[in-house]
Amino acid sequence: MKDHSIDDNQVDRIGEKLDFFCPVNALIDVIAGKWKLRILWQLRNGIKRFGELKEALPNITPAVLSSHLQELAKQGIISREIYAEVPPRSEYSLTETGRSLFAVLYAMESWGIDFIRLSKSSATPYCFWPRP
């Protein structure tokens, strides 16, 4: 099995020390938060504007949505296209890195289903990630 660990002395592309050395922490850093996975799910089929995301996630505040979109863009998970129009328009979409995250999300879904079955829980699994 290939070793996926990161050496403490390894540096990133710009020569600074990595903020995290654990690959699991890297994933958690990207998906942590109540809304990030839901935002990514809304972007799975293509480009969305801020208002469309807000409408699809009615309980999220505009400030939280904006903050999560900025974080995901900074991490390279989504891209933001800004159009110089009046009123200004921004569109969000998944990057290639963002699209690759769905393999992980489907694996999490499978694990959750197995866990529910093994724990003999009476809860019905809610499938947030229907397969294409």
N, C-alpha and C. Protein backbone atom coordinates (compact mmCIF):
# COMPACT_ATOMS: atom_id res chain seq x y z
N MET A 1 0.84 -1.17 0.00
CA MET A 1 0.00 0.00 0.00
C MET A 1 0.89 1.24 0.00
N LYS A 2 0.53 2.19 -0.81
CA LYS A 2 1.32 3.41 -0.93
C LYS A 2 1.21 4.24 0.35
N ASP A 3 2.34 4.79 0.78
CA ASP A 3 2.36 5.65 1.96
C ASP A 3 1.89 7.03 1.56
N HIS A 4 0.79 7.48 2.17
CA HIS A 4 0.23 8.79 1.85
C HIS A 4 0.56 9.83 2.91
N SER A 5 1.47 9.53 3.81
CA SER A 5 1.79 10.49 4.85
C SER A 5 2.68 11.60 4.30
N ILE A 6 2.63 12.73 4.97
CA ILE A 6 3.42 13.89 4.58
C ILE A 6 4.51 14.08 5.61
N ASP A 7 5.74 14.14 5.15
CA ASP A 7 6.89 14.34 6.01
C ASP A 7 6.84 15.74 6.61
N ASP A 8 7.19 15.87 7.89
CA ASP A 8 7.19 17.17 8.56
C ASP A 8 8.09 18.19 7.87
N ASN A 9 9.08 17.72 7.15
CA ASN A 9 10.01 18.64 6.49
C ASN A 9 9.57 19.02 5.08
N GLN A 10 8.48 18.39 4.61
CA GLN A 10 8.00 18.68 3.26
C GLN A 10 7.46 20.11 3.21
N VAL A 11 7.70 20.76 2.11
CA VAL A 11 7.21 22.13 1.94
C VAL A 11 6.26 22.19 0.77
N ASP A 12 5.40 23.21 0.78
CA ASP A 12 4.47 23.35 -0.34
C ASP A 12 5.16 24.04 -1.50
N ARG A 13 4.40 24.33 -2.56
CA ARG A 13 4.97 24.85 -3.80
C ARG A 13 5.64 26.20 -3.66
N ILE A 14 5.23 26.99 -2.68
CA ILE A 14 5.84 28.32 -2.55
C ILE A 14 6.92 28.35 -1.48
N GLY A 15 7.27 27.18 -0.96
CA GLY A 15 8.40 27.09 -0.06
C GLY A 15 8.10 27.32 1.40
N GLU A 16 6.84 27.51 1.76
CA GLU A 16 6.51 27.69 3.17
C GLU A 16 6.06 26.36 3.74
N LYS A 17 6.20 26.21 5.06
CA LYS A 17 5.75 24.98 5.69
C LYS A 17 4.25 24.83 5.56
N LEU A 18 3.79 23.61 5.38
CA LEU A 18 2.35 23.35 5.30
C LEU A 18 1.69 23.67 6.63
N ASP A 19 0.44 24.16 6.57
CA ASP A 19 -0.31 24.46 7.78
C ASP A 19 -0.74 23.19 8.50
N PHE A 20 -0.85 22.10 7.78
CA PHE A 20 -1.27 20.84 8.37
C PHE A 20 -0.44 19.73 7.78
N PHE A 21 -0.22 18.68 8.59
CA PHE A 21 0.57 17.56 8.13
C PHE A 21 -0.27 16.30 8.02
N CYS A 22 -1.48 16.37 8.44
CA CYS A 22 -2.37 15.21 8.42
C CYS A 22 -3.35 15.34 7.26
N PRO A 23 -3.37 14.39 6.34
CA PRO A 23 -4.30 14.47 5.21
C PRO A 23 -5.76 14.54 5.65
N VAL A 24 -6.10 13.88 6.75
CA VAL A 24 -7.47 13.94 7.24
C VAL A 24 -7.80 15.35 7.69
N ASN A 25 -6.86 16.02 8.35
CA ASN A 25 -7.08 17.41 8.74
C ASN A 25 -7.25 18.31 7.52
N ALA A 26 -6.54 18.00 6.46
CA ALA A 26 -6.69 18.79 5.22
C ALA A 26 -8.12 18.68 4.70
N LEU A 27 -8.66 17.47 4.68
CA LEU A 27 -10.04 17.26 4.24
C LEU A 27 -11.02 17.96 5.17
N ILE A 28 -10.83 17.79 6.46
CA ILE A 28 -11.73 18.41 7.43
C ILE A 28 -11.71 19.93 7.28
N ASP A 29 -10.56 20.48 7.02
CA ASP A 29 -10.44 21.93 6.85
C ASP A 29 -11.31 22.41 5.69
N VAL A 30 -11.41 21.61 4.66
CA VAL A 30 -12.19 21.99 3.48
C VAL A 30 -13.69 21.82 3.72
N ILE A 31 -14.12 20.73 4.34
CA ILE A 31 -15.55 20.44 4.43
C ILE A 31 -16.19 20.80 5.76
N ALA A 32 -15.39 21.25 6.73
CA ALA A 32 -15.94 21.57 8.05
C ALA A 32 -16.94 22.72 7.95
N GLY A 33 -17.96 22.62 8.74
CA GLY A 33 -18.98 23.65 8.76
C GLY A 33 -20.33 23.08 8.36
N LYS A 34 -21.36 23.67 8.86
CA LYS A 34 -22.71 23.18 8.62
C LYS A 34 -23.12 23.27 7.15
N TRP A 35 -22.59 24.26 6.42
CA TRP A 35 -23.12 24.56 5.10
C TRP A 35 -22.22 24.20 3.93
N LYS A 36 -20.94 23.96 4.15
CA LYS A 36 -20.02 23.77 3.03
C LYS A 36 -20.41 22.61 2.13
N LEU A 37 -20.73 21.47 2.71
CA LEU A 37 -21.12 20.32 1.89
C LEU A 37 -22.41 20.59 1.13
N ARG A 38 -23.31 21.30 1.75
CA ARG A 38 -24.57 21.65 1.08
C ARG A 38 -24.32 22.61 -0.09
N ILE A 39 -23.41 23.54 0.09
CA ILE A 39 -23.05 24.46 -0.98
C ILE A 39 -22.44 23.68 -2.15
N LEU A 40 -21.51 22.79 -1.82
CA LEU A 40 -20.88 21.98 -2.86
C LEU A 40 -21.93 21.15 -3.60
N TRP A 41 -22.88 20.60 -2.87
CA TRP A 41 -23.93 19.81 -3.49
C TRP A 41 -24.73 20.64 -4.48
N GLN A 42 -25.02 21.88 -4.12
CA GLN A 42 -25.78 22.76 -5.01
C GLN A 42 -25.00 23.08 -6.29
N LEU A 43 -23.68 23.06 -6.20
CA LEU A 43 -22.84 23.38 -7.36
C LEU A 43 -22.52 22.16 -8.22
N ARG A 44 -22.99 21.00 -7.84
CA ARG A 44 -22.61 19.76 -8.53
C ARG A 44 -23.00 19.73 -9.99
N ASN A 45 -24.07 20.41 -10.37
CA ASN A 45 -24.55 20.36 -11.76
C ASN A 45 -24.17 21.58 -12.57
N GLY A 46 -23.37 22.46 -12.01
CA GLY A 46 -22.95 23.60 -12.80
C GLY A 46 -22.95 24.92 -12.05
N ILE A 47 -22.91 25.97 -12.81
CA ILE A 47 -22.75 27.32 -12.30
C ILE A 47 -24.01 27.79 -11.58
N LYS A 48 -23.79 28.48 -10.45
CA LYS A 48 -24.89 29.09 -9.69
C LYS A 48 -24.48 30.50 -9.29
N ARG A 49 -25.46 31.38 -9.27
CA ARG A 49 -25.25 32.72 -8.76
C ARG A 49 -25.53 32.73 -7.27
N PHE A 50 -25.08 33.80 -6.60
CA PHE A 50 -25.25 33.91 -5.15
C PHE A 50 -26.73 33.76 -4.78
N GLY A 51 -27.60 34.47 -5.47
CA GLY A 51 -29.03 34.41 -5.17
C GLY A 51 -29.62 33.03 -5.33
N GLU A 52 -29.14 32.28 -6.33
CA GLU A 52 -29.61 30.92 -6.54
C GLU A 52 -29.19 30.01 -5.39
N LEU A 53 -27.97 30.21 -4.92
CA LEU A 53 -27.50 29.42 -3.77
C LEU A 53 -28.29 29.78 -2.52
N LYS A 54 -28.54 31.06 -2.32
CA LYS A 54 -29.31 31.51 -1.16
C LYS A 54 -30.72 30.93 -1.21
N GLU A 55 -31.32 30.91 -2.38
CA GLU A 55 -32.67 30.36 -2.53
C GLU A 55 -32.68 28.85 -2.28
N ALA A 56 -31.65 28.15 -2.71
CA ALA A 56 -31.57 26.71 -2.53
C ALA A 56 -31.27 26.32 -1.08
N LEU A 57 -30.69 27.24 -0.33
CA LEU A 57 -30.34 27.01 1.07
C LEU A 57 -31.03 28.08 1.92
N PRO A 58 -32.34 28.00 2.08
CA PRO A 58 -33.09 29.12 2.67
C PRO A 58 -32.73 29.46 4.11
N ASN A 59 -32.15 28.54 4.86
CA ASN A 59 -31.84 28.83 6.26
C ASN A 59 -30.44 29.41 6.49
N ILE A 60 -29.67 29.53 5.44
CA ILE A 60 -28.32 30.10 5.58
C ILE A 60 -28.43 31.62 5.50
N THR A 61 -27.64 32.31 6.32
CA THR A 61 -27.64 33.77 6.25
C THR A 61 -26.73 34.21 5.10
N PRO A 62 -26.99 35.36 4.52
CA PRO A 62 -26.11 35.84 3.45
C PRO A 62 -24.65 35.97 3.89
N ALA A 63 -24.43 36.38 5.13
CA ALA A 63 -23.05 36.53 5.62
C ALA A 63 -22.33 35.19 5.70
N VAL A 64 -23.01 34.17 6.17
CA VAL A 64 -22.40 32.83 6.27
C VAL A 64 -22.17 32.27 4.87
N LEU A 65 -23.13 32.43 3.98
CA LEU A 65 -22.96 31.95 2.60
C LEU A 65 -21.76 32.64 1.96
N SER A 66 -21.68 33.94 2.10
CA SER A 66 -20.56 34.69 1.53
C SER A 66 -19.23 34.22 2.12
N SER A 67 -19.19 34.02 3.42
CA SER A 67 -17.96 33.58 4.09
C SER A 67 -17.53 32.19 3.59
N HIS A 68 -18.48 31.26 3.51
CA HIS A 68 -18.14 29.91 3.05
C HIS A 68 -17.71 29.92 1.58
N LEU A 69 -18.36 30.72 0.76
CA LEU A 69 -17.96 30.81 -0.65
C LEU A 69 -16.54 31.36 -0.77
N GLN A 70 -16.21 32.36 0.03
CA GLN A 70 -14.85 32.91 0.02
C GLN A 70 -13.83 31.86 0.45
N GLU A 71 -14.13 31.12 1.52
CA GLU A 71 -13.22 30.08 1.99
C GLU A 71 -13.01 29.00 0.94
N LEU A 72 -14.11 28.52 0.34
CA LEU A 72 -14.00 27.47 -0.67
C LEU A 72 -13.24 27.95 -1.90
N ALA A 73 -13.41 29.21 -2.26
CA ALA A 73 -12.67 29.77 -3.40
C ALA A 73 -11.19 29.89 -3.06
N LYS A 74 -10.89 30.35 -1.86
CA LYS A 74 -9.49 30.49 -1.43
C LYS A 74 -8.79 29.13 -1.41
N GLN A 75 -9.52 28.08 -1.06
CA GLN A 75 -8.96 26.73 -1.01
C GLN A 75 -8.88 26.08 -2.39
N GLY A 76 -9.44 26.72 -3.40
CA GLY A 76 -9.39 26.16 -4.75
C GLY A 76 -10.45 25.12 -5.03
N ILE A 77 -11.49 25.05 -4.20
CA ILE A 77 -12.55 24.07 -4.37
C ILE A 77 -13.61 24.58 -5.34
N ILE A 78 -13.86 25.87 -5.30
CA ILE A 78 -14.79 26.49 -6.23
C ILE A 78 -14.10 27.67 -6.91
N SER A 79 -14.66 28.09 -8.01
CA SER A 79 -14.16 29.30 -8.66
C SER A 79 -15.28 30.34 -8.66
N ARG A 80 -14.87 31.59 -8.66
CA ARG A 80 -15.81 32.70 -8.66
C ARG A 80 -15.51 33.58 -9.87
N GLU A 81 -16.51 33.74 -10.70
CA GLU A 81 -16.40 34.60 -11.88
C GLU A 81 -17.20 35.86 -11.59
N ILE A 82 -16.52 37.02 -11.65
CA ILE A 82 -17.16 38.30 -11.38
C ILE A 82 -17.33 39.05 -12.69
N TYR A 83 -18.54 39.53 -12.93
CA TYR A 83 -18.84 40.27 -14.15
C TYR A 83 -19.03 41.74 -13.81
N ALA A 84 -18.39 42.60 -14.59
CA ALA A 84 -18.48 44.04 -14.38
C ALA A 84 -19.77 44.56 -15.01
N GLU A 85 -20.86 44.36 -14.31
CA GLU A 85 -22.17 44.78 -14.76
C GLU A 85 -22.83 45.59 -13.65
N VAL A 86 -23.92 46.23 -14.00
CA VAL A 86 -24.71 46.92 -12.99
C VAL A 86 -26.09 46.28 -13.03
N PRO A 87 -26.55 45.66 -11.95
CA PRO A 87 -25.80 45.39 -10.73
C PRO A 87 -24.73 44.32 -10.97
N PRO A 88 -23.70 44.29 -10.10
CA PRO A 88 -22.62 43.30 -10.26
C PRO A 88 -23.17 41.87 -10.18
N ARG A 89 -22.53 40.99 -10.92
CA ARG A 89 -22.96 39.60 -10.95
C ARG A 89 -21.76 38.71 -10.69
N SER A 90 -21.93 37.72 -9.81
CA SER A 90 -20.90 36.73 -9.52
C SER A 90 -21.49 35.35 -9.75
N GLU A 91 -20.69 34.48 -10.35
CA GLU A 91 -21.11 33.11 -10.57
C GLU A 91 -20.09 32.17 -9.94
N TYR A 92 -20.58 31.09 -9.37
CA TYR A 92 -19.75 30.12 -8.67
C TYR A 92 -19.87 28.76 -9.34
N SER A 93 -18.75 28.05 -9.40
CA SER A 93 -18.75 26.70 -9.96
C SER A 93 -17.64 25.89 -9.29
N LEU A 94 -17.75 24.58 -9.40
CA LEU A 94 -16.72 23.70 -8.86
C LEU A 94 -15.49 23.72 -9.75
N THR A 95 -14.34 23.68 -9.13
CA THR A 95 -13.10 23.50 -9.87
C THR A 95 -12.91 21.99 -10.07
N GLU A 96 -11.88 21.63 -10.79
CA GLU A 96 -11.56 20.20 -10.95
C GLU A 96 -11.30 19.57 -9.58
N THR A 97 -10.62 20.29 -8.70
CA THR A 97 -10.38 19.80 -7.33
C THR A 97 -11.70 19.61 -6.61
N GLY A 98 -12.60 20.55 -6.76
CA GLY A 98 -13.91 20.44 -6.13
C GLY A 98 -14.69 19.25 -6.63
N ARG A 99 -14.65 19.01 -7.94
CA ARG A 99 -15.35 17.85 -8.50
C ARG A 99 -14.73 16.55 -8.00
N SER A 100 -13.42 16.54 -7.79
CA SER A 100 -12.77 15.32 -7.31
C SER A 100 -13.17 14.98 -5.88
N LEU A 101 -13.65 15.96 -5.15
CA LEU A 101 -14.08 15.75 -3.76
C LEU A 101 -15.30 14.84 -3.67
N PHE A 102 -16.08 14.74 -4.74
CA PHE A 102 -17.29 13.93 -4.69
C PHE A 102 -16.99 12.44 -4.53
N ALA A 103 -15.85 11.97 -4.95
CA ALA A 103 -15.48 10.57 -4.69
C ALA A 103 -15.39 10.33 -3.19
N VAL A 104 -14.86 11.30 -2.47
CA VAL A 104 -14.75 11.21 -1.01
C VAL A 104 -16.15 11.25 -0.39
N LEU A 105 -16.99 12.12 -0.89
CA LEU A 105 -18.34 12.26 -0.33
C LEU A 105 -19.16 10.99 -0.54
N TYR A 106 -19.01 10.36 -1.69
CA TYR A 106 -19.71 9.10 -1.92
C TYR A 106 -19.18 8.00 -1.00
N ALA A 107 -17.88 8.00 -0.72
CA ALA A 107 -17.31 7.03 0.22
C ALA A 107 -17.85 7.28 1.63
N MET A 108 -18.00 8.55 2.01
CA MET A 108 -18.58 8.88 3.32
C MET A 108 -20.02 8.39 3.41
N GLU A 109 -20.76 8.53 2.33
CA GLU A 109 -22.14 8.05 2.30
C GLU A 109 -22.17 6.54 2.53
N SER A 110 -21.32 5.81 1.84
CA SER A 110 -21.28 4.34 1.98
C SER A 110 -20.91 3.94 3.40
N TRP A 111 -19.94 4.63 3.98
CA TRP A 111 -19.55 4.34 5.36
C TRP A 111 -20.72 4.59 6.30
N GLY A 112 -21.42 5.70 6.11
CA GLY A 112 -22.55 6.02 6.98
C GLY A 112 -23.66 4.98 6.90
N ILE A 113 -23.94 4.51 5.70
CA ILE A 113 -24.96 3.47 5.53
C ILE A 113 -24.54 2.20 6.26
N ASP A 114 -23.27 1.80 6.09
CA ASP A 114 -22.76 0.61 6.79
C ASP A 114 -22.81 0.80 8.30
N PHE A 115 -22.45 1.97 8.77
CA PHE A 115 -22.45 2.24 10.21
C PHE A 115 -23.87 2.13 10.78
N ILE A 116 -24.82 2.68 10.07
CA ILE A 116 -26.21 2.61 10.53
C ILE A 116 -26.67 1.16 10.58
N ARG A 117 -26.33 0.39 9.56
CA ARG A 117 -26.71 -1.03 9.55
C ARG A 117 -26.04 -1.79 10.70
N LEU A 118 -24.75 -1.55 10.91
CA LEU A 118 -24.02 -2.26 11.96
C LEU A 118 -24.51 -1.89 13.35
N SER A 119 -24.91 -0.64 13.53
CA SER A 119 -25.37 -0.20 14.85
C SER A 119 -26.81 -0.61 15.09
N LYS A 120 -27.44 -1.20 14.07
CA LYS A 120 -28.82 -1.66 14.16
C LYS A 120 -29.74 -0.53 14.61
N SER A 121 -29.41 0.65 14.14
CA SER A 121 -30.21 1.82 14.46
C SER A 121 -31.56 1.72 13.77
N SER A 122 -32.57 2.24 14.42
CA SER A 122 -33.89 2.27 13.79
C SER A 122 -34.03 3.45 12.85
N ALA A 123 -33.01 4.31 12.84
CA ALA A 123 -33.07 5.49 11.97
C ALA A 123 -32.92 5.07 10.51
N THR A 124 -33.65 5.70 9.66
CA THR A 124 -33.54 5.47 8.23
C THR A 124 -32.45 6.37 7.68
N PRO A 125 -31.49 5.82 6.94
CA PRO A 125 -30.44 6.68 6.39
C PRO A 125 -31.02 7.68 5.40
N TYR A 126 -30.64 8.91 5.59
CA TYR A 126 -31.05 9.97 4.67
C TYR A 126 -29.95 10.13 3.64
N CYS A 127 -30.24 9.85 2.41
CA CYS A 127 -29.22 9.90 1.38
C CYS A 127 -29.13 11.31 0.81
N PHE A 128 -28.13 12.04 1.25
CA PHE A 128 -27.91 13.40 0.80
C PHE A 128 -27.18 13.42 -0.54
N TRP A 129 -26.57 12.32 -0.92
CA TRP A 129 -25.73 12.27 -2.12
C TRP A 129 -26.23 11.22 -3.09
N PRO A 130 -27.38 11.43 -3.73
CA PRO A 130 -27.83 10.41 -4.68
C PRO A 130 -26.82 10.23 -5.81
N ARG A 131 -26.61 9.01 -6.16
CA ARG A 131 -25.65 8.70 -7.22
C ARG A 131 -26.18 9.15 -8.56
N PRO A 132 -25.28 9.64 -9.42
CA PRO A 132 -25.73 10.07 -10.76
C PRO A 132 -26.22 8.90 -11.59
